[in-house]
Amino acid sequence: MRLRQRAVRGIAASAAAAALVVGLAGCVGGDTNDGPTGPNGYDLGATIGDDVRVWWDVSETTGTTDVILERAGESQPLGVCLGSSGTICVMGDPAVEPYVAFFGPQGAAAQMSFNGQVIDMAVVEGTPADGAGIYVAAGLPVDPSTLQLGFTITDAAGAVVWQQ
């Protein structure tokens, strides 16, 4: 009788171990997404050029949006901007490699006038429809004391939604 009980316990333990292994196998390497991973809770909204990633997240408590720019392979961000509609952030070193983030009305496209030169801006994808649209672009090296910015946001048909 004892031998039979030990055999039953052994079979039950083996079955439990097999179930655990099968269950864990589904947790390891199931997703082959090799894309970039951003800061915890942030979404990848745009890429500027080949290697600058724009991550964003909306605070549940304040409703403000946090934008982080990072260059692939670097441990420190190029810049961080916290804002809502109407916010303009110049990140990075304006004399070497400036980046501009603008929070404005939702639109399909945006352009920035950077000291008179028109530059297309990346539209940050996935932001809430009832929140500010976020637009980001790389500027040209400039003396910060002479920086002049203007923005034009258009809808999908190309009509101007907002301009300043």
N, C-alpha and C. Protein backbone atom coordinates (compact mmCIF):
# COMPACT_ATOMS: atom_id res chain seq x y z
N MET A 1 0.82 -1.19 0.00
CA MET A 1 0.00 0.00 0.00
C MET A 1 0.87 1.26 0.00
N ARG A 2 1.92 1.27 0.83
CA ARG A 2 2.79 2.44 0.88
C ARG A 2 3.48 2.66 -0.45
N LEU A 3 3.87 1.61 -1.10
CA LEU A 3 4.53 1.73 -2.40
C LEU A 3 3.59 2.37 -3.41
N ARG A 4 2.34 1.96 -3.34
CA ARG A 4 1.34 2.52 -4.26
C ARG A 4 1.13 4.01 -3.97
N GLN A 5 1.06 4.42 -2.69
CA GLN A 5 0.88 5.83 -2.33
C GLN A 5 2.07 6.66 -2.81
N ARG A 6 3.28 6.11 -2.64
CA ARG A 6 4.47 6.81 -3.11
C ARG A 6 4.45 6.98 -4.62
N ALA A 7 4.00 5.96 -5.32
CA ALA A 7 3.93 6.03 -6.78
C ALA A 7 2.93 7.10 -7.22
N VAL A 8 1.78 7.13 -6.55
CA VAL A 8 0.76 8.13 -6.89
C VAL A 8 1.29 9.54 -6.60
N ARG A 9 1.96 9.71 -5.44
CA ARG A 9 2.54 11.01 -5.10
C ARG A 9 3.61 11.40 -6.11
N GLY A 10 4.41 10.46 -6.52
CA GLY A 10 5.46 10.72 -7.51
C GLY A 10 4.89 11.14 -8.85
N ILE A 11 3.82 10.47 -9.27
CA ILE A 11 3.17 10.82 -10.53
C ILE A 11 2.56 12.22 -10.42
N ALA A 12 1.92 12.51 -9.29
CA ALA A 12 1.31 13.83 -9.10
C ALA A 12 2.38 14.92 -9.09
N ALA A 13 3.50 14.67 -8.43
CA ALA A 13 4.58 15.65 -8.40
C ALA A 13 5.17 15.85 -9.78
N SER A 14 5.33 14.78 -10.54
CA SER A 14 5.85 14.89 -11.90
C SER A 14 4.90 15.68 -12.79
N ALA A 15 3.60 15.42 -12.63
CA ALA A 15 2.61 16.14 -13.43
C ALA A 15 2.62 17.63 -13.08
N ALA A 16 2.73 17.94 -11.79
CA ALA A 16 2.77 19.34 -11.37
C ALA A 16 4.02 20.03 -11.91
N ALA A 17 5.15 19.36 -11.86
CA ALA A 17 6.39 19.93 -12.39
C ALA A 17 6.29 20.15 -13.89
N ALA A 18 5.70 19.19 -14.60
CA ALA A 18 5.54 19.34 -16.05
C ALA A 18 4.62 20.51 -16.37
N ALA A 19 3.54 20.66 -15.60
CA ALA A 19 2.62 21.77 -15.83
C ALA A 19 3.31 23.10 -15.57
N LEU A 20 4.15 23.15 -14.53
CA LEU A 20 4.88 24.37 -14.23
C LEU A 20 5.85 24.73 -15.35
N VAL A 21 6.56 23.75 -15.87
CA VAL A 21 7.50 23.99 -16.97
C VAL A 21 6.76 24.47 -18.20
N VAL A 22 5.64 23.83 -18.54
CA VAL A 22 4.87 24.24 -19.71
C VAL A 22 4.32 25.65 -19.50
N GLY A 23 3.84 25.94 -18.29
CA GLY A 23 3.31 27.27 -18.00
C GLY A 23 4.38 28.34 -18.10
N LEU A 24 5.56 28.08 -17.57
CA LEU A 24 6.64 29.06 -17.63
C LEU A 24 7.19 29.22 -19.03
N ALA A 25 7.12 28.18 -19.83
CA ALA A 25 7.63 28.27 -21.20
C ALA A 25 6.90 29.35 -21.97
N GLY A 26 5.63 29.56 -21.67
CA GLY A 26 4.87 30.60 -22.34
C GLY A 26 5.28 31.99 -21.91
N CYS A 27 5.99 32.11 -20.79
CA CYS A 27 6.41 33.42 -20.28
C CYS A 27 7.78 33.84 -20.79
N VAL A 28 8.53 32.94 -21.32
CA VAL A 28 9.90 33.23 -21.70
C VAL A 28 10.00 33.35 -23.21
N GLY A 29 10.39 34.50 -23.68
CA GLY A 29 10.68 34.69 -25.09
C GLY A 29 9.51 34.53 -26.03
N GLY A 30 8.30 34.67 -25.53
CA GLY A 30 7.16 34.48 -26.39
C GLY A 30 7.00 35.59 -27.41
N ASP A 31 7.43 36.80 -27.08
CA ASP A 31 7.30 37.94 -27.98
C ASP A 31 8.66 38.23 -28.59
N THR A 32 8.71 38.25 -29.89
CA THR A 32 10.00 38.49 -30.55
C THR A 32 10.16 39.95 -30.96
N ASN A 33 9.42 40.87 -30.33
CA ASN A 33 9.54 42.28 -30.65
C ASN A 33 10.92 42.77 -30.21
N ASP A 34 11.75 43.08 -31.18
CA ASP A 34 13.10 43.55 -30.88
C ASP A 34 13.18 45.07 -30.93
N GLY A 35 12.05 45.75 -30.89
CA GLY A 35 12.04 47.20 -30.97
C GLY A 35 12.60 47.83 -29.72
N PRO A 36 12.77 49.14 -29.75
CA PRO A 36 13.34 49.84 -28.60
C PRO A 36 12.42 49.79 -27.39
N THR A 37 12.99 49.83 -26.24
CA THR A 37 12.24 49.87 -24.99
C THR A 37 12.56 51.19 -24.31
N GLY A 38 11.52 51.93 -24.02
CA GLY A 38 11.73 53.24 -23.42
C GLY A 38 11.61 53.21 -21.92
N PRO A 39 11.56 54.39 -21.32
CA PRO A 39 11.38 54.48 -19.88
C PRO A 39 10.07 53.81 -19.47
N ASN A 40 10.01 53.33 -18.26
CA ASN A 40 8.85 52.61 -17.76
C ASN A 40 7.57 53.42 -17.93
N GLY A 41 6.60 52.87 -18.64
CA GLY A 41 5.31 53.52 -18.82
C GLY A 41 5.24 54.48 -19.98
N TYR A 42 6.32 54.74 -20.67
CA TYR A 42 6.34 55.69 -21.78
C TYR A 42 6.10 54.97 -23.11
N ASP A 43 5.50 55.69 -24.05
CA ASP A 43 5.25 55.16 -25.39
C ASP A 43 6.17 55.85 -26.38
N LEU A 44 6.63 55.09 -27.37
CA LEU A 44 7.42 55.66 -28.45
C LEU A 44 6.46 56.36 -29.40
N GLY A 45 6.61 57.68 -29.56
CA GLY A 45 5.67 58.45 -30.36
C GLY A 45 6.21 58.88 -31.70
N ALA A 46 7.53 58.99 -31.83
CA ALA A 46 8.12 59.45 -33.09
C ALA A 46 9.62 59.18 -33.06
N THR A 47 10.21 59.28 -34.24
CA THR A 47 11.65 59.19 -34.38
C THR A 47 12.10 60.38 -35.21
N ILE A 48 13.17 61.03 -34.80
CA ILE A 48 13.73 62.15 -35.55
C ILE A 48 15.03 61.65 -36.16
N GLY A 49 15.11 61.74 -37.48
CA GLY A 49 16.29 61.21 -38.16
C GLY A 49 16.36 59.71 -37.99
N ASP A 50 17.57 59.19 -37.93
CA ASP A 50 17.75 57.75 -37.81
C ASP A 50 17.83 57.25 -36.38
N ASP A 51 18.13 58.14 -35.43
CA ASP A 51 18.46 57.60 -34.12
C ASP A 51 17.91 58.34 -32.91
N VAL A 52 17.12 59.39 -33.08
CA VAL A 52 16.58 60.10 -31.92
C VAL A 52 15.13 59.66 -31.73
N ARG A 53 14.86 59.11 -30.56
CA ARG A 53 13.53 58.61 -30.25
C ARG A 53 12.80 59.59 -29.34
N VAL A 54 11.50 59.73 -29.59
CA VAL A 54 10.66 60.62 -28.80
C VAL A 54 9.70 59.75 -27.99
N TRP A 55 9.87 59.74 -26.67
CA TRP A 55 9.01 58.98 -25.77
C TRP A 55 8.08 59.95 -25.07
N TRP A 56 6.85 59.52 -24.78
CA TRP A 56 5.91 60.41 -24.11
C TRP A 56 5.06 59.63 -23.11
N ASP A 57 4.52 60.36 -22.13
CA ASP A 57 3.61 59.78 -21.15
C ASP A 57 2.79 60.92 -20.55
N VAL A 58 1.51 60.65 -20.28
CA VAL A 58 0.65 61.64 -19.64
C VAL A 58 0.49 61.27 -18.17
N SER A 59 0.72 62.23 -17.29
CA SER A 59 0.56 62.01 -15.86
C SER A 59 -0.91 61.84 -15.52
N GLU A 60 -1.21 60.77 -14.79
CA GLU A 60 -2.59 60.53 -14.38
C GLU A 60 -3.04 61.53 -13.32
N THR A 61 -2.12 62.09 -12.57
CA THR A 61 -2.49 63.00 -11.49
C THR A 61 -2.57 64.45 -11.94
N THR A 62 -1.65 64.90 -12.81
CA THR A 62 -1.64 66.31 -13.20
C THR A 62 -2.19 66.55 -14.60
N GLY A 63 -2.20 65.52 -15.44
CA GLY A 63 -2.66 65.68 -16.82
C GLY A 63 -1.62 66.27 -17.74
N THR A 64 -0.45 66.61 -17.22
CA THR A 64 0.61 67.14 -18.08
C THR A 64 1.31 66.00 -18.80
N THR A 65 1.93 66.34 -19.91
CA THR A 65 2.62 65.34 -20.72
C THR A 65 4.12 65.50 -20.56
N ASP A 66 4.79 64.39 -20.39
CA ASP A 66 6.24 64.35 -20.26
C ASP A 66 6.81 63.78 -21.55
N VAL A 67 7.75 64.49 -22.15
CA VAL A 67 8.41 64.04 -23.38
C VAL A 67 9.89 63.86 -23.09
N ILE A 68 10.42 62.73 -23.51
CA ILE A 68 11.85 62.45 -23.35
C ILE A 68 12.44 62.17 -24.72
N LEU A 69 13.53 62.87 -25.05
CA LEU A 69 14.26 62.61 -26.29
C LEU A 69 15.52 61.83 -25.94
N GLU A 70 15.74 60.74 -26.65
CA GLU A 70 16.96 59.97 -26.41
C GLU A 70 17.56 59.53 -27.74
N ARG A 71 18.87 59.48 -27.76
CA ARG A 71 19.59 58.98 -28.93
C ARG A 71 19.86 57.50 -28.68
N ALA A 72 19.58 56.68 -29.69
CA ALA A 72 19.81 55.24 -29.57
C ALA A 72 21.24 54.97 -29.14
N GLY A 73 21.39 54.11 -28.16
CA GLY A 73 22.71 53.72 -27.69
C GLY A 73 23.32 54.61 -26.63
N GLU A 74 22.67 55.72 -26.29
CA GLU A 74 23.21 56.61 -25.26
C GLU A 74 22.40 56.46 -23.98
N SER A 75 23.06 56.56 -22.85
CA SER A 75 22.38 56.34 -21.58
C SER A 75 21.68 57.60 -21.04
N GLN A 76 22.14 58.78 -21.42
CA GLN A 76 21.53 60.03 -20.95
C GLN A 76 20.59 60.59 -22.01
N PRO A 77 19.43 61.11 -21.59
CA PRO A 77 18.52 61.70 -22.58
C PRO A 77 19.09 62.99 -23.17
N LEU A 78 18.66 63.31 -24.38
CA LEU A 78 19.03 64.59 -25.00
C LEU A 78 18.27 65.73 -24.34
N GLY A 79 17.08 65.41 -23.86
CA GLY A 79 16.28 66.43 -23.21
C GLY A 79 14.99 65.87 -22.68
N VAL A 80 14.40 66.60 -21.74
CA VAL A 80 13.14 66.22 -21.13
C VAL A 80 12.27 67.47 -21.09
N CYS A 81 10.99 67.31 -21.41
CA CYS A 81 10.07 68.45 -21.43
C CYS A 81 8.76 68.03 -20.79
N LEU A 82 8.28 68.81 -19.85
CA LEU A 82 7.00 68.57 -19.19
C LEU A 82 6.09 69.73 -19.53
N GLY A 83 4.92 69.44 -20.11
CA GLY A 83 4.07 70.56 -20.48
C GLY A 83 2.66 70.17 -20.86
N SER A 84 1.95 71.17 -21.33
CA SER A 84 0.58 71.02 -21.84
C SER A 84 0.44 72.01 -22.99
N SER A 85 -0.76 72.21 -23.48
CA SER A 85 -0.96 73.05 -24.65
C SER A 85 -0.31 74.43 -24.48
N GLY A 86 0.47 74.83 -25.48
CA GLY A 86 1.15 76.12 -25.46
C GLY A 86 2.60 76.04 -25.01
N THR A 87 3.04 74.90 -24.54
CA THR A 87 4.42 74.75 -24.07
C THR A 87 5.38 74.61 -25.24
N ILE A 88 6.50 75.31 -25.16
CA ILE A 88 7.60 75.18 -26.12
C ILE A 88 8.85 74.84 -25.30
N CYS A 89 9.53 73.78 -25.69
CA CYS A 89 10.79 73.40 -25.02
C CYS A 89 11.90 73.33 -26.04
N VAL A 90 13.02 73.98 -25.74
CA VAL A 90 14.23 73.84 -26.54
C VAL A 90 15.15 72.96 -25.71
N MET A 91 15.50 71.81 -26.28
CA MET A 91 16.32 70.83 -25.55
C MET A 91 17.64 70.63 -26.26
N GLY A 92 18.59 70.09 -25.54
CA GLY A 92 19.92 69.92 -26.11
C GLY A 92 20.67 71.24 -26.04
N ASP A 93 21.78 71.32 -26.70
CA ASP A 93 22.60 72.53 -26.73
C ASP A 93 22.23 73.33 -27.98
N PRO A 94 21.57 74.49 -27.83
CA PRO A 94 21.15 75.27 -29.00
C PRO A 94 22.30 75.65 -29.93
N ALA A 95 23.49 75.82 -29.38
CA ALA A 95 24.63 76.22 -30.20
C ALA A 95 25.21 75.05 -30.99
N VAL A 96 24.83 73.83 -30.62
CA VAL A 96 25.40 72.64 -31.27
C VAL A 96 24.33 71.80 -31.95
N GLU A 97 23.33 71.36 -31.17
CA GLU A 97 22.30 70.45 -31.68
C GLU A 97 21.00 70.67 -30.92
N PRO A 98 20.21 71.68 -31.30
CA PRO A 98 18.96 71.94 -30.59
C PRO A 98 17.81 71.06 -31.08
N TYR A 99 16.93 70.73 -30.17
CA TYR A 99 15.68 70.05 -30.50
C TYR A 99 14.56 70.88 -29.90
N VAL A 100 13.44 70.96 -30.63
CA VAL A 100 12.31 71.76 -30.17
C VAL A 100 11.09 70.86 -30.07
N ALA A 101 10.40 70.94 -28.92
CA ALA A 101 9.11 70.26 -28.74
C ALA A 101 8.06 71.35 -28.57
N PHE A 102 6.94 71.18 -29.25
CA PHE A 102 5.84 72.14 -29.16
C PHE A 102 4.56 71.39 -28.86
N PHE A 103 3.83 71.86 -27.84
CA PHE A 103 2.53 71.28 -27.48
C PHE A 103 1.46 72.25 -27.98
N GLY A 104 0.64 71.82 -28.91
CA GLY A 104 -0.37 72.70 -29.48
C GLY A 104 -1.62 71.93 -29.84
N PRO A 105 -2.49 72.54 -30.64
CA PRO A 105 -3.71 71.85 -31.05
C PRO A 105 -3.38 70.58 -31.84
N GLN A 106 -4.29 69.61 -31.77
CA GLN A 106 -4.11 68.38 -32.55
C GLN A 106 -4.12 68.71 -34.04
N GLY A 107 -3.25 68.07 -34.79
CA GLY A 107 -3.18 68.26 -36.23
C GLY A 107 -2.51 67.08 -36.90
N ALA A 108 -2.57 67.05 -38.21
CA ALA A 108 -1.96 65.95 -38.97
C ALA A 108 -0.51 66.23 -39.31
N ALA A 109 -0.13 67.50 -39.34
CA ALA A 109 1.25 67.87 -39.69
C ALA A 109 1.59 69.20 -39.03
N ALA A 110 2.89 69.45 -38.90
CA ALA A 110 3.33 70.72 -38.31
C ALA A 110 4.65 71.13 -38.92
N GLN A 111 4.83 72.43 -39.01
CA GLN A 111 6.10 73.00 -39.45
C GLN A 111 6.54 74.04 -38.43
N MET A 112 7.84 74.17 -38.32
CA MET A 112 8.41 75.15 -37.41
C MET A 112 9.25 76.12 -38.23
N SER A 113 9.08 77.41 -37.95
CA SER A 113 9.98 78.41 -38.51
C SER A 113 11.07 78.62 -37.47
N PHE A 114 12.28 78.21 -37.81
CA PHE A 114 13.41 78.26 -36.89
C PHE A 114 14.37 79.31 -37.42
N ASN A 115 14.32 80.51 -36.83
CA ASN A 115 15.10 81.66 -37.32
C ASN A 115 14.89 81.87 -38.82
N GLY A 116 13.63 81.74 -39.25
CA GLY A 116 13.28 81.99 -40.64
C GLY A 116 13.35 80.78 -41.55
N GLN A 117 13.96 79.69 -41.12
CA GLN A 117 14.03 78.49 -41.95
C GLN A 117 12.88 77.55 -41.56
N VAL A 118 12.11 77.11 -42.57
CA VAL A 118 10.98 76.22 -42.32
C VAL A 118 11.47 74.78 -42.20
N ILE A 119 11.08 74.13 -41.10
CA ILE A 119 11.48 72.75 -40.82
C ILE A 119 10.23 71.94 -40.51
N ASP A 120 10.07 70.79 -41.17
CA ASP A 120 8.96 69.89 -40.86
C ASP A 120 9.18 69.28 -39.49
N MET A 121 8.09 69.17 -38.73
CA MET A 121 8.17 68.59 -37.39
C MET A 121 7.56 67.19 -37.40
N ALA A 122 8.09 66.31 -36.57
CA ALA A 122 7.51 64.98 -36.40
C ALA A 122 6.28 65.11 -35.50
N VAL A 123 5.19 64.46 -35.89
CA VAL A 123 3.98 64.43 -35.07
C VAL A 123 4.11 63.24 -34.13
N VAL A 124 4.02 63.49 -32.84
CA VAL A 124 4.11 62.41 -31.86
C VAL A 124 2.79 61.63 -31.90
N GLU A 125 2.89 60.36 -32.24
CA GLU A 125 1.72 59.50 -32.44
C GLU A 125 1.21 58.93 -31.12
N GLY A 126 -0.11 58.72 -31.06
CA GLY A 126 -0.72 58.03 -29.94
C GLY A 126 -1.14 58.90 -28.78
N THR A 127 -0.93 60.21 -28.87
CA THR A 127 -1.33 61.07 -27.76
C THR A 127 -2.86 61.13 -27.69
N PRO A 128 -3.42 61.35 -26.51
CA PRO A 128 -4.88 61.37 -26.37
C PRO A 128 -5.52 62.44 -27.25
N ALA A 129 -6.62 62.10 -27.89
CA ALA A 129 -7.31 63.03 -28.80
C ALA A 129 -7.81 64.28 -28.08
N ASP A 130 -8.09 64.17 -26.78
CA ASP A 130 -8.58 65.33 -26.05
C ASP A 130 -7.46 66.14 -25.40
N GLY A 131 -6.22 65.76 -25.67
CA GLY A 131 -5.06 66.49 -25.12
C GLY A 131 -4.35 67.27 -26.20
N ALA A 132 -3.25 67.85 -25.83
CA ALA A 132 -2.44 68.62 -26.78
C ALA A 132 -1.77 67.70 -27.79
N GLY A 133 -1.63 68.19 -29.01
CA GLY A 133 -0.78 67.50 -29.97
C GLY A 133 0.66 67.85 -29.64
N ILE A 134 1.56 66.92 -29.90
CA ILE A 134 2.97 67.17 -29.61
C ILE A 134 3.75 67.04 -30.91
N TYR A 135 4.60 68.02 -31.17
CA TYR A 135 5.38 68.09 -32.40
C TYR A 135 6.84 68.33 -32.02
N VAL A 136 7.75 67.60 -32.67
CA VAL A 136 9.16 67.68 -32.30
C VAL A 136 10.01 67.75 -33.56
N ALA A 137 11.09 68.53 -33.51
CA ALA A 137 12.00 68.63 -34.65
C ALA A 137 13.40 68.98 -34.17
N ALA A 138 14.35 68.66 -35.01
CA ALA A 138 15.74 69.09 -34.78
C ALA A 138 15.89 70.45 -35.44
N GLY A 139 16.48 71.38 -34.71
CA GLY A 139 16.75 72.69 -35.27
C GLY A 139 18.17 72.76 -35.81
N LEU A 140 18.61 73.96 -36.09
CA LEU A 140 19.97 74.20 -36.57
C LEU A 140 20.75 74.89 -35.46
N PRO A 141 22.05 74.70 -35.40
CA PRO A 141 22.82 75.40 -34.38
C PRO A 141 22.55 76.91 -34.44
N VAL A 142 22.34 77.50 -33.26
CA VAL A 142 21.96 78.91 -33.20
C VAL A 142 22.42 79.51 -31.87
N ASP A 143 22.65 80.80 -31.87
CA ASP A 143 22.91 81.53 -30.63
C ASP A 143 21.56 81.65 -29.92
N PRO A 144 21.43 81.12 -28.71
CA PRO A 144 20.13 81.14 -28.02
C PRO A 144 19.52 82.53 -27.90
N SER A 145 20.33 83.56 -27.82
CA SER A 145 19.79 84.91 -27.67
C SER A 145 19.14 85.43 -28.94
N THR A 146 19.37 84.77 -30.07
CA THR A 146 18.77 85.20 -31.34
C THR A 146 17.68 84.26 -31.83
N LEU A 147 17.33 83.26 -31.04
CA LEU A 147 16.37 82.25 -31.47
C LEU A 147 14.98 82.83 -31.65
N GLN A 148 14.39 82.59 -32.82
CA GLN A 148 13.03 83.00 -33.13
C GLN A 148 12.29 81.78 -33.65
N LEU A 149 11.14 81.48 -33.04
CA LEU A 149 10.36 80.30 -33.41
C LEU A 149 8.96 80.69 -33.84
N GLY A 150 8.42 79.96 -34.79
CA GLY A 150 7.03 80.07 -35.20
C GLY A 150 6.54 78.68 -35.55
N PHE A 151 5.22 78.46 -35.45
CA PHE A 151 4.67 77.13 -35.69
C PHE A 151 3.42 77.22 -36.54
N THR A 152 3.25 76.25 -37.43
CA THR A 152 2.04 76.12 -38.23
C THR A 152 1.58 74.67 -38.13
N ILE A 153 0.33 74.48 -37.74
CA ILE A 153 -0.25 73.14 -37.64
C ILE A 153 -1.37 73.04 -38.67
N THR A 154 -1.37 71.94 -39.42
CA THR A 154 -2.38 71.73 -40.46
C THR A 154 -3.14 70.43 -40.21
N ASP A 155 -4.35 70.36 -40.78
CA ASP A 155 -5.13 69.13 -40.69
C ASP A 155 -4.77 68.21 -41.85
N ALA A 156 -5.47 67.08 -41.96
CA ALA A 156 -5.15 66.08 -42.99
C ALA A 156 -5.33 66.63 -44.41
N ALA A 157 -6.21 67.61 -44.59
CA ALA A 157 -6.43 68.20 -45.91
C ALA A 157 -5.43 69.31 -46.22
N GLY A 158 -4.59 69.66 -45.25
CA GLY A 158 -3.60 70.71 -45.47
C GLY A 158 -4.05 72.09 -45.04
N ALA A 159 -5.27 72.19 -44.51
CA ALA A 159 -5.77 73.48 -44.05
C ALA A 159 -5.10 73.85 -42.72
N VAL A 160 -4.78 75.12 -42.56
CA VAL A 160 -4.13 75.59 -41.34
C VAL A 160 -5.12 75.53 -40.18
N VAL A 161 -4.75 74.81 -39.13
CA VAL A 161 -5.54 74.70 -37.92
C VAL A 161 -5.12 75.78 -36.93
N TRP A 162 -3.82 76.05 -36.90
CA TRP A 162 -3.28 77.00 -35.94
C TRP A 162 -1.95 77.51 -36.44
N GLN A 163 -1.68 78.80 -36.18
CA GLN A 163 -0.40 79.38 -36.62
C GLN A 163 0.01 80.47 -35.65
N GLN A 164 1.30 80.51 -35.35
CA GLN A 164 1.83 81.58 -34.50
C GLN A 164 3.27 81.84 -34.87
